[in-house]
Amino acid sequence: MEFLNSDGARTGLFFGATSGVITTIGLIVGLNSGTRSVIAVLGGILVISEAFAPGFVLLWFGLAALATG
């Protein structure tokens, strides 16, 4: 993890993580107050996670499919 020795890399990592958490919390609060639907909130989280890290959600679904047989 030599890349974390760089101040810029650490700053970018922490900024990205903070941004992701704040965005997700805002999404949860907004969708919950607007729809009162757990499915809408979970769907929103899946959509925003796919937007932040393309392919990540598909990877999880693929791993879950492999694990269940």
Protein backbone atom coordinates (compact mmCIF):
# COMPACT_ATOMS: atom_id res chain seq x y z
CA MET A 1 0.00 0.00 0.00
CA GLU A 2 2.79 2.28 -0.98
CA PHE A 3 0.43 4.66 -2.77
CA LEU A 4 -0.98 5.80 0.59
CA ASN A 5 2.37 7.41 1.36
CA SER A 6 1.39 10.20 -1.01
CA ASP A 7 -0.54 13.08 0.59
CA GLY A 8 -2.61 13.51 -2.57
CA ALA A 9 -3.66 9.85 -2.62
CA ARG A 10 -4.70 9.91 1.04
CA THR A 11 -6.60 13.17 0.56
CA GLY A 12 -8.38 11.81 -2.51
CA LEU A 13 -9.27 8.55 -0.76
CA PHE A 14 -10.72 10.27 2.29
CA PHE A 15 -12.54 12.88 0.20
CA GLY A 16 -14.07 10.16 -1.98
CA ALA A 17 -15.15 8.06 0.98
CA THR A 18 -16.70 11.05 2.74
CA SER A 19 -18.46 12.14 -0.43
CA GLY A 20 -19.89 8.65 -0.95
CA VAL A 21 -21.19 8.42 2.60
CA ILE A 22 -22.82 11.87 2.52
CA THR A 23 -24.39 11.19 -0.88
CA THR A 24 -25.78 7.83 0.27
CA ILE A 25 -27.21 9.27 3.48
CA GLY A 26 -28.86 12.08 1.52
CA LEU A 27 -30.31 9.55 -0.92
CA ILE A 28 -31.69 7.39 1.90
CA VAL A 29 -33.27 10.33 3.71
CA GLY A 30 -34.73 11.82 0.52
CA LEU A 31 -36.17 8.61 -0.88
CA ASN A 32 -37.51 7.51 2.48
CA SER A 33 -39.27 10.81 3.15
CA GLY A 34 -40.63 10.94 -0.40
CA THR A 35 -41.76 7.35 -0.89
CA ARG A 36 -41.72 5.51 2.45
CA SER A 37 -40.70 2.46 0.40
CA VAL A 38 -37.82 0.20 1.41
CA ILE A 39 -37.60 -1.12 -2.16
CA ALA A 40 -37.20 2.42 -3.52
CA VAL A 41 -34.44 3.16 -1.01
CA LEU A 42 -32.57 -0.09 -1.80
CA GLY A 43 -32.97 0.51 -5.52
CA GLY A 44 -31.61 4.02 -5.13
CA ILE A 45 -28.60 2.73 -3.21
CA LEU A 46 -27.91 0.18 -5.96
CA VAL A 47 -28.18 2.86 -8.65
CA ILE A 48 -25.91 5.33 -6.86
CA SER A 49 -23.34 2.63 -6.05
CA GLU A 50 -23.26 1.62 -9.72
CA ALA A 51 -22.75 5.28 -10.66
CA PHE A 52 -19.85 5.67 -8.19
CA ALA A 53 -18.15 2.36 -9.06
CA PRO A 54 -19.27 0.95 -12.43
CA GLY A 55 -19.43 -2.82 -12.46
CA PHE A 56 -19.35 -3.16 -8.67
CA VAL A 57 -23.04 -4.06 -8.31
CA LEU A 58 -22.83 -6.52 -11.19
CA LEU A 59 -19.83 -8.13 -9.52
CA TRP A 60 -21.79 -8.58 -6.27
CA PHE A 61 -24.77 -10.09 -8.09
CA GLY A 62 -22.43 -12.43 -9.97
CA LEU A 63 -20.73 -13.55 -6.77
CA ALA A 64 -24.09 -14.07 -5.08
CA ALA A 65 -25.28 -16.18 -8.00
CA LEU A 66 -22.14 -18.31 -7.82
CA ALA A 67 -22.49 -18.75 -4.06
CA THR A 68 -26.12 -19.89 -4.25
CA GLY A 69 -25.44 -22.35 -7.04
